[in-house]
Amino acid sequence: MRVLLVEDDDLIGSGVEEGLRDAGMTVDWAHDGREAMLALTTTEYELVVLDLGLPKLSGTELLDWLRGRRDDTPVLVMTARDTVADRVGGLTAGADDYLGKPFDLTELIARCRALLRRAHGRSVETIEYQDLSVDPSTFTVTRNGLRQPLTSRECAVLVELLTHQGTPLSRARLEESLYGWQEEVESNAIEVHVSNLRKKLGPGLIRTIRGVGYVVEKTS
């Protein structure tokens, strides 16, 4: 799950970036509103964590621009402006949640997870599929109650495919979800992850559509 963090404070930004990465999210960090606008124009994100007091283009202006282009990406606003009027204004402008500074990192992560669940129509963190149970927050996968040892990347690929059941995802789409700006991607990384998932969870779980990508069939 790829997240755009927009924060100009290096201390806060580095802490949030590390916390979100530790929680299993792929994070791109933009330090000002213009950089964030470019990122949102060129990359698909599942969540934006947005500070309002930004240089070059304010967080409010960025949010107005995002919603003006009919982009429904969930946005969590984090800001020192924490009066009732500020919160109401941010939510009215199109934010999905609002967290005042200073904040507890665990609460921020929990709110991010809640927004991601809501965006994908889930009320709980765990994803159930046939005899599989997947908890993205702990990278835990069980089959018929028995834990299956997956790497964090393998779990991330599985979560993406299960989240988009019935929709083929290309290799490029999976790479975008799993790897951020500063990460190098081996040319066959996705194929290796899918191959390992098939070995560990069975060959019938993930289907290859030649020339298109990979898909997990939607359950009826």
C-alpha atoms as a PDB file:
ATOM      1  CA  MET A   1       0.000   0.000   0.000  1.00  0.00           C
ATOM      2  CA  ARG A   2       1.671   3.179  -1.200  1.00  0.00           C
ATOM      3  CA  VAL A   3       1.266   6.315   0.902  1.00  0.00           C
ATOM      4  CA  LEU A   4       2.248   9.907   0.157  1.00  0.00           C
ATOM      5  CA  LEU A   5       3.532  11.774   3.212  1.00  0.00           C
ATOM      6  CA  VAL A   6       3.527  15.572   2.831  1.00  0.00           C
ATOM      7  CA  GLU A   7       5.434  17.255   5.672  1.00  0.00           C
ATOM      8  CA  ASP A   8       8.082  19.996   5.671  1.00  0.00           C
ATOM      9  CA  ASP A   9       9.384  19.391   9.200  1.00  0.00           C
ATOM     10  CA  ASP A  10      12.325  16.961   8.936  1.00  0.00           C
ATOM     11  CA  LEU A  11      12.017  15.637  12.498  1.00  0.00           C
ATOM     12  CA  ILE A  12       8.291  14.947  12.292  1.00  0.00           C
ATOM     13  CA  GLY A  13       8.524  13.663   8.736  1.00  0.00           C
ATOM     14  CA  SER A  14      11.326  11.200   9.438  1.00  0.00           C
ATOM     15  CA  GLY A  15       9.474   9.803  12.454  1.00  0.00           C
ATOM     16  CA  VAL A  16       6.194   9.390  10.552  1.00  0.00           C
ATOM     17  CA  GLU A  17       7.960   7.902   7.532  1.00  0.00           C
ATOM     18  CA  GLU A  18       9.740   5.315   9.675  1.00  0.00           C
ATOM     19  CA  GLY A  19       6.560   4.465  11.582  1.00  0.00           C
ATOM     20  CA  LEU A  20       4.504   3.952   8.424  1.00  0.00           C
ATOM     21  CA  ARG A  21       7.249   1.836   6.842  1.00  0.00           C
ATOM     22  CA  ASP A  22       7.466  -0.301   9.976  1.00  0.00           C
ATOM     23  CA  ALA A  23       3.697  -0.759   9.689  1.00  0.00           C
ATOM     24  CA  GLY A  24       4.174  -2.281   6.237  1.00  0.00           C
ATOM     25  CA  MET A  25       3.360   0.709   4.046  1.00  0.00           C
ATOM     26  CA  THR A  26       5.396   2.013   1.120  1.00  0.00           C
ATOM     27  CA  VAL A  27       6.056   5.711   1.757  1.00  0.00           C
ATOM     28  CA  ASP A  28       7.037   8.583  -0.538  1.00  0.00           C
ATOM     29  CA  TRP A  29       7.867  11.794   1.343  1.00  0.00           C
ATOM     30  CA  ALA A  30       7.198  15.184  -0.261  1.00  0.00           C
ATOM     31  CA  HIS A  31       8.584  18.200   1.604  1.00  0.00           C
ATOM     32  CA  ASP A  32       6.378  20.899   0.075  1.00  0.00           C
ATOM     33  CA  GLY A  33       3.038  21.330  -1.659  1.00  0.00           C
ATOM     34  CA  ARG A  34       4.437  21.608  -5.182  1.00  0.00           C
ATOM     35  CA  GLU A  35       6.434  18.399  -4.834  1.00  0.00           C
ATOM     36  CA  ALA A  36       3.317  16.672  -3.508  1.00  0.00           C
ATOM     37  CA  MET A  37       1.220  17.925  -6.432  1.00  0.00           C
ATOM     38  CA  LEU A  38       3.743  16.493  -8.897  1.00  0.00           C
ATOM     39  CA  ALA A  39       3.753  13.168  -7.040  1.00  0.00           C
ATOM     40  CA  LEU A  40      -0.053  12.969  -7.085  1.00  0.00           C
ATOM     41  CA  THR A  41      -0.064  13.760 -10.793  1.00  0.00           C
ATOM     42  CA  THR A  42       2.357  10.975 -11.692  1.00  0.00           C
ATOM     43  CA  THR A  43       1.755   8.245  -9.092  1.00  0.00           C
ATOM     44  CA  GLU A  44      -1.296   6.421  -7.745  1.00  0.00           C
ATOM     45  CA  TYR A  45      -1.522   6.468  -3.944  1.00  0.00           C
ATOM     46  CA  GLU A  46      -3.925   4.752  -1.585  1.00  0.00           C
ATOM     47  CA  LEU A  47      -3.559   7.383   1.138  1.00  0.00           C
ATOM     48  CA  VAL A  48      -2.195  10.907   1.639  1.00  0.00           C
ATOM     49  CA  VAL A  49      -0.921  12.031   5.061  1.00  0.00           C
ATOM     50  CA  LEU A  50      -0.943  15.811   4.785  1.00  0.00           C
ATOM     51  CA  ASP A  51       0.391  18.684   6.862  1.00  0.00           C
ATOM     52  CA  LEU A  52      -1.395  21.991   6.272  1.00  0.00           C
ATOM     53  CA  GLY A  53       1.463  24.424   6.964  1.00  0.00           C
ATOM     54  CA  LEU A  54       3.554  23.731   3.855  1.00  0.00           C
ATOM     55  CA  PRO A  55       5.883  25.935   1.790  1.00  0.00           C
ATOM     56  CA  LYS A  56       5.249  26.766  -1.889  1.00  0.00           C
ATOM     57  CA  LEU A  57       1.669  25.457  -1.775  1.00  0.00           C
ATOM     58  CA  SER A  58      -0.301  25.083   1.440  1.00  0.00           C
ATOM     59  CA  GLY A  59      -1.900  21.815   2.487  1.00  0.00           C
ATOM     60  CA  THR A  60      -5.340  23.396   2.155  1.00  0.00           C
ATOM     61  CA  GLU A  61      -4.593  24.511  -1.407  1.00  0.00           C
ATOM     62  CA  LEU A  62      -3.266  21.062  -2.246  1.00  0.00           C
ATOM     63  CA  LEU A  63      -6.401  19.451  -0.824  1.00  0.00           C
ATOM     64  CA  ASP A  64      -8.619  21.823  -2.806  1.00  0.00           C
ATOM     65  CA  TRP A  65      -6.691  20.956  -5.968  1.00  0.00           C
ATOM     66  CA  LEU A  66      -6.912  17.209  -5.272  1.00  0.00           C
ATOM     67  CA  ARG A  67     -10.657  17.234  -4.723  1.00  0.00           C
ATOM     68  CA  GLY A  68     -11.146  19.643  -7.609  1.00  0.00           C
ATOM     69  CA  ARG A  69      -9.782  17.024  -9.998  1.00  0.00           C
ATOM     70  CA  ARG A  70     -12.278  14.471  -8.618  1.00  0.00           C
ATOM     71  CA  ASP A  71      -9.566  12.483  -6.845  1.00  0.00           C
ATOM     72  CA  ASP A  72     -11.084  10.552  -3.930  1.00  0.00           C
ATOM     73  CA  THR A  73      -7.797   9.312  -2.438  1.00  0.00           C
ATOM     74  CA  PRO A  74      -8.260   9.266   1.370  1.00  0.00           C
ATOM     75  CA  VAL A  75      -6.504  12.177   3.090  1.00  0.00           C
ATOM     76  CA  LEU A  76      -5.459  12.318   6.733  1.00  0.00           C
ATOM     77  CA  VAL A  77      -4.645  15.878   7.780  1.00  0.00           C
ATOM     78  CA  MET A  78      -2.112  16.373  10.560  1.00  0.00           C
ATOM     79  CA  THR A  79      -1.541  19.919  11.765  1.00  0.00           C
ATOM     80  CA  ALA A  80      -0.827  22.160  14.723  1.00  0.00           C
ATOM     81  CA  ARG A  81      -3.992  24.092  13.835  1.00  0.00           C
ATOM     82  CA  ASP A  82      -6.276  22.118  16.101  1.00  0.00           C
ATOM     83  CA  THR A  83      -9.218  24.363  16.974  1.00  0.00           C
ATOM     84  CA  VAL A  84     -12.745  23.149  16.287  1.00  0.00           C
ATOM     85  CA  ALA A  85     -12.992  25.648  13.432  1.00  0.00           C
ATOM     86  CA  ASP A  86      -9.767  24.304  11.898  1.00  0.00           C
ATOM     87  CA  ARG A  87     -10.972  20.714  12.124  1.00  0.00           C
ATOM     88  CA  VAL A  88     -14.365  21.561  10.634  1.00  0.00           C
ATOM     89  CA  GLY A  89     -12.695  23.555   7.870  1.00  0.00           C
ATOM     90  CA  GLY A  90     -10.309  20.732   6.999  1.00  0.00           C
ATOM     91  CA  LEU A  91     -13.050  18.117   6.898  1.00  0.00           C
ATOM     92  CA  THR A  92     -15.302  20.395   4.878  1.00  0.00           C
ATOM     93  CA  ALA A  93     -12.492  20.960   2.382  1.00  0.00           C
ATOM     94  CA  GLY A  94     -12.333  17.224   1.738  1.00  0.00           C
ATOM     95  CA  ALA A  95     -10.126  15.649   4.408  1.00  0.00           C
ATOM     96  CA  ASP A  96     -11.224  12.211   5.591  1.00  0.00           C
ATOM     97  CA  ASP A  97      -9.670  12.472   9.053  1.00  0.00           C
ATOM     98  CA  TYR A  98      -7.891  15.083  11.146  1.00  0.00           C
ATOM     99  CA  LEU A  99      -5.137  14.667  13.728  1.00  0.00           C
ATOM    100  CA  GLY A 100      -3.729  17.548  15.760  1.00  0.00           C
ATOM    101  CA  LYS A 101      -0.036  17.947  16.577  1.00  0.00           C
ATOM    102  CA  PRO A 102       1.557  16.748  18.743  1.00  0.00           C
ATOM    103  CA  PHE A 103       0.176  13.248  18.222  1.00  0.00           C
ATOM    104  CA  ASP A 104       1.010   9.695  19.190  1.00  0.00           C
ATOM    105  CA  LEU A 105       2.517   7.746  16.285  1.00  0.00           C
ATOM    106  CA  THR A 106       0.512   4.629  17.120  1.00  0.00           C
ATOM    107  CA  GLU A 107      -2.709   6.645  16.821  1.00  0.00           C
ATOM    108  CA  LEU A 108      -1.610   8.037  13.457  1.00  0.00           C
ATOM    109  CA  ILE A 109      -0.903   4.531  12.163  1.00  0.00           C
ATOM    110  CA  ALA A 110      -4.237   3.246  13.492  1.00  0.00           C
ATOM    111  CA  ARG A 111      -6.091   6.088  11.764  1.00  0.00           C
ATOM    112  CA  CYS A 112      -4.226   5.406   8.519  1.00  0.00           C
ATOM    113  CA  ARG A 113      -5.181   1.745   8.673  1.00  0.00           C
ATOM    114  CA  ALA A 114      -8.807   2.650   9.348  1.00  0.00           C
ATOM    115  CA  LEU A 115      -8.911   4.912   6.286  1.00  0.00           C
ATOM    116  CA  LEU A 116      -7.326   2.221   4.110  1.00  0.00           C
ATOM    117  CA  ARG A 117      -9.815  -0.378   5.354  1.00  0.00           C
ATOM    118  CA  ARG A 118     -12.725   1.952   4.669  1.00  0.00           C
ATOM    119  CA  ALA A 119     -11.434   2.714   1.168  1.00  0.00           C
ATOM    120  CA  HIS A 120     -11.472  -1.008   0.381  1.00  0.00           C
ATOM    121  CA  GLY A 121     -14.832  -1.692   2.018  1.00  0.00           C
ATOM    122  CA  ARG A 122     -13.498  -3.619   5.009  1.00  0.00           C
ATOM    123  CA  SER A 123     -14.585  -3.086   8.588  1.00  0.00           C
ATOM    124  CA  VAL A 124     -11.771  -5.156  10.138  1.00  0.00           C
ATOM    125  CA  GLU A 125      -8.047  -5.427   9.491  1.00  0.00           C
ATOM    126  CA  THR A 126      -7.949  -9.154   8.749  1.00  0.00           C
ATOM    127  CA  ILE A 127      -8.669 -10.297   5.185  1.00  0.00           C
ATOM    128  CA  GLU A 128     -10.415 -13.662   4.884  1.00  0.00           C
ATOM    129  CA  TYR A 129     -10.182 -15.573   1.618  1.00  0.00           C
ATOM    130  CA  GLN A 130     -11.195 -19.234   1.337  1.00  0.00           C
ATOM    131  CA  ASP A 131      -8.988 -20.991   3.919  1.00  0.00           C
ATOM    132  CA  LEU A 132      -6.597 -18.050   4.249  1.00  0.00           C
ATOM    133  CA  SER A 133      -6.558 -15.381   6.931  1.00  0.00           C
ATOM    134  CA  VAL A 134      -4.253 -12.402   6.350  1.00  0.00           C
ATOM    135  CA  ASP A 135      -3.462  -9.671   8.883  1.00  0.00           C
ATOM    136  CA  PRO A 136      -1.586  -6.867   7.053  1.00  0.00           C
ATOM    137  CA  SER A 137      -0.746  -5.090  10.320  1.00  0.00           C
ATOM    138  CA  THR A 138       1.415  -7.984  11.546  1.00  0.00           C
ATOM    139  CA  PHE A 139       2.355  -9.569   8.171  1.00  0.00           C
ATOM    140  CA  THR A 140       0.684 -12.742   9.456  1.00  0.00           C
ATOM    141  CA  VAL A 141      -0.863 -15.304   7.114  1.00  0.00           C
ATOM    142  CA  THR A 142      -2.578 -18.443   8.347  1.00  0.00           C
ATOM    143  CA  ARG A 143      -4.158 -21.304   6.428  1.00  0.00           C
ATOM    144  CA  ASN A 144      -6.695 -23.397   8.304  1.00  0.00           C
ATOM    145  CA  GLY A 145      -5.306 -21.912  11.507  1.00  0.00           C
ATOM    146  CA  LEU A 146      -1.682 -22.797  10.740  1.00  0.00           C
ATOM    147  CA  ARG A 147       0.766 -19.929  10.232  1.00  0.00           C
ATOM    148  CA  GLN A 148       2.422 -19.667   6.832  1.00  0.00           C
ATOM    149  CA  PRO A 149       5.923 -18.105   6.802  1.00  0.00           C
ATOM    150  CA  LEU A 150       5.915 -15.223   4.309  1.00  0.00           C
ATOM    151  CA  THR A 151       8.336 -12.349   3.896  1.00  0.00           C
ATOM    152  CA  SER A 152       6.971  -8.812   4.235  1.00  0.00           C
ATOM    153  CA  ARG A 153       7.181  -8.317   0.452  1.00  0.00           C
ATOM    154  CA  GLU A 154       5.386 -11.580  -0.256  1.00  0.00           C
ATOM    155  CA  CYS A 155       2.688 -10.599   2.221  1.00  0.00           C
ATOM    156  CA  ALA A 156       2.395  -7.184   0.560  1.00  0.00           C
ATOM    157  CA  VAL A 157       1.880  -8.755  -2.883  1.00  0.00           C
ATOM    158  CA  LEU A 158      -0.734 -11.101  -1.440  1.00  0.00           C
ATOM    159  CA  VAL A 159      -2.576  -8.233   0.272  1.00  0.00           C
ATOM    160  CA  GLU A 160      -2.649  -6.213  -2.962  1.00  0.00           C
ATOM    161  CA  LEU A 161      -4.078  -9.127  -4.926  1.00  0.00           C
ATOM    162  CA  LEU A 162      -6.641  -9.977  -2.240  1.00  0.00           C
ATOM    163  CA  THR A 163      -7.651  -6.335  -1.903  1.00  0.00           C
ATOM    164  CA  HIS A 164      -8.345  -6.186  -5.648  1.00  0.00           C
ATOM    165  CA  GLN A 165      -9.947  -9.619  -6.080  1.00  0.00           C
ATOM    166  CA  GLY A 166     -11.113 -10.258  -9.632  1.00  0.00           C
ATOM    167  CA  THR A 167      -9.039  -7.380 -11.036  1.00  0.00           C
ATOM    168  CA  PRO A 168      -5.792  -8.302 -12.817  1.00  0.00           C
ATOM    169  CA  LEU A 169      -2.833  -6.271 -11.549  1.00  0.00           C
ATOM    170  CA  SER A 170       0.119  -5.720 -13.846  1.00  0.00           C
ATOM    171  CA  ARG A 171       3.709  -6.137 -12.737  1.00  0.00           C
ATOM    172  CA  ALA A 172       4.143  -2.344 -12.976  1.00  0.00           C
ATOM    173  CA  ARG A 173       1.086  -1.777 -10.793  1.00  0.00           C
ATOM    174  CA  LEU A 174       2.390  -4.161  -8.133  1.00  0.00           C
ATOM    175  CA  GLU A 175       5.850  -2.576  -8.278  1.00  0.00           C
ATOM    176  CA  GLU A 176       4.290   0.879  -7.757  1.00  0.00           C
ATOM    177  CA  SER A 177       2.476  -0.376  -4.694  1.00  0.00           C
ATOM    178  CA  LEU A 178       5.484  -2.095  -3.121  1.00  0.00           C
ATOM    179  CA  TYR A 179       8.436   0.142  -3.939  1.00  0.00           C
ATOM    180  CA  GLY A 180       8.929   3.837  -3.182  1.00  0.00           C
ATOM    181  CA  TRP A 181      11.048   6.550  -4.789  1.00  0.00           C
ATOM    182  CA  GLN A 182      14.349   5.575  -3.166  1.00  0.00           C
ATOM    183  CA  GLU A 183      14.057   1.807  -3.633  1.00  0.00           C
ATOM    184  CA  GLU A 184      15.627  -0.133  -6.468  1.00  0.00           C
ATOM    185  CA  VAL A 185      13.469  -2.811  -8.060  1.00  0.00           C
ATOM    186  CA  GLU A 186      14.954  -5.944  -9.598  1.00  0.00           C
ATOM    187  CA  SER A 187      13.475  -6.615 -13.035  1.00  0.00           C
ATOM    188  CA  ASN A 188      12.004  -9.953 -11.937  1.00  0.00           C
ATOM    189  CA  ALA A 189      11.134  -9.054  -8.335  1.00  0.00           C
ATOM    190  CA  ILE A 190       7.368  -9.461  -8.714  1.00  0.00           C
ATOM    191  CA  GLU A 191       7.719 -12.756 -10.575  1.00  0.00           C
ATOM    192  CA  VAL A 192       9.913 -14.081  -7.747  1.00  0.00           C
ATOM    193  CA  HIS A 193       7.403 -13.004  -5.078  1.00  0.00           C
ATOM    194  CA  VAL A 194       4.512 -14.600  -6.967  1.00  0.00           C
ATOM    195  CA  SER A 195       6.500 -17.800  -7.495  1.00  0.00           C
ATOM    196  CA  ASN A 196       7.271 -18.007  -3.773  1.00  0.00           C
ATOM    197  CA  LEU A 197       3.615 -17.398  -2.881  1.00  0.00           C
ATOM    198  CA  ARG A 198       2.573 -20.259  -5.154  1.00  0.00           C
ATOM    199  CA  LYS A 199       5.116 -22.574  -3.547  1.00  0.00           C
ATOM    200  CA  LYS A 200       3.985 -21.666  -0.024  1.00  0.00           C
ATOM    201  CA  LEU A 201       0.224 -21.278  -0.536  1.00  0.00           C
ATOM    202  CA  GLY A 202      -0.497 -23.530  -3.519  1.00  0.00           C
ATOM    203  CA  PRO A 203      -0.332 -23.048  -7.306  1.00  0.00           C
ATOM    204  CA  GLY A 204      -4.039 -22.339  -7.742  1.00  0.00           C
ATOM    205  CA  LEU A 205      -4.277 -19.166  -5.652  1.00  0.00           C
ATOM    206  CA  ILE A 206      -2.754 -16.659  -8.084  1.00  0.00           C
ATOM    207  CA  ARG A 207      -3.552 -16.866 -11.792  1.00  0.00           C
ATOM    208  CA  THR A 208      -1.339 -15.375 -14.489  1.00  0.00           C
ATOM    209  CA  ILE A 209      -3.085 -13.607 -17.365  1.00  0.00           C
ATOM    210  CA  ARG A 210      -0.501 -13.492 -20.110  1.00  0.00           C
ATOM    211  CA  GLY A 211       0.302  -9.980 -21.224  1.00  0.00           C
ATOM    212  CA  VAL A 212      -1.851  -8.470 -18.464  1.00  0.00           C
ATOM    213  CA  GLY A 213      -0.706  -9.489 -14.999  1.00  0.00           C
ATOM    214  CA  TYR A 214      -1.795 -11.501 -11.977  1.00  0.00           C
ATOM    215  CA  VAL A 215      -5.190 -12.007 -10.389  1.00  0.00           C
ATOM    216  CA  VAL A 216      -6.823 -13.704  -7.424  1.00  0.00           C
ATOM    217  CA  GLU A 217     -10.311 -14.745  -8.429  1.00  0.00           C
ATOM    218  CA  LYS A 218     -13.154 -13.055  -6.610  1.00  0.00           C
ATOM    219  CA  THR A 219     -15.093 -15.309  -4.262  1.00  0.00           C
ATOM    220  CA  SER A 220     -18.821 -15.570  -4.822  1.00  0.00           C
END
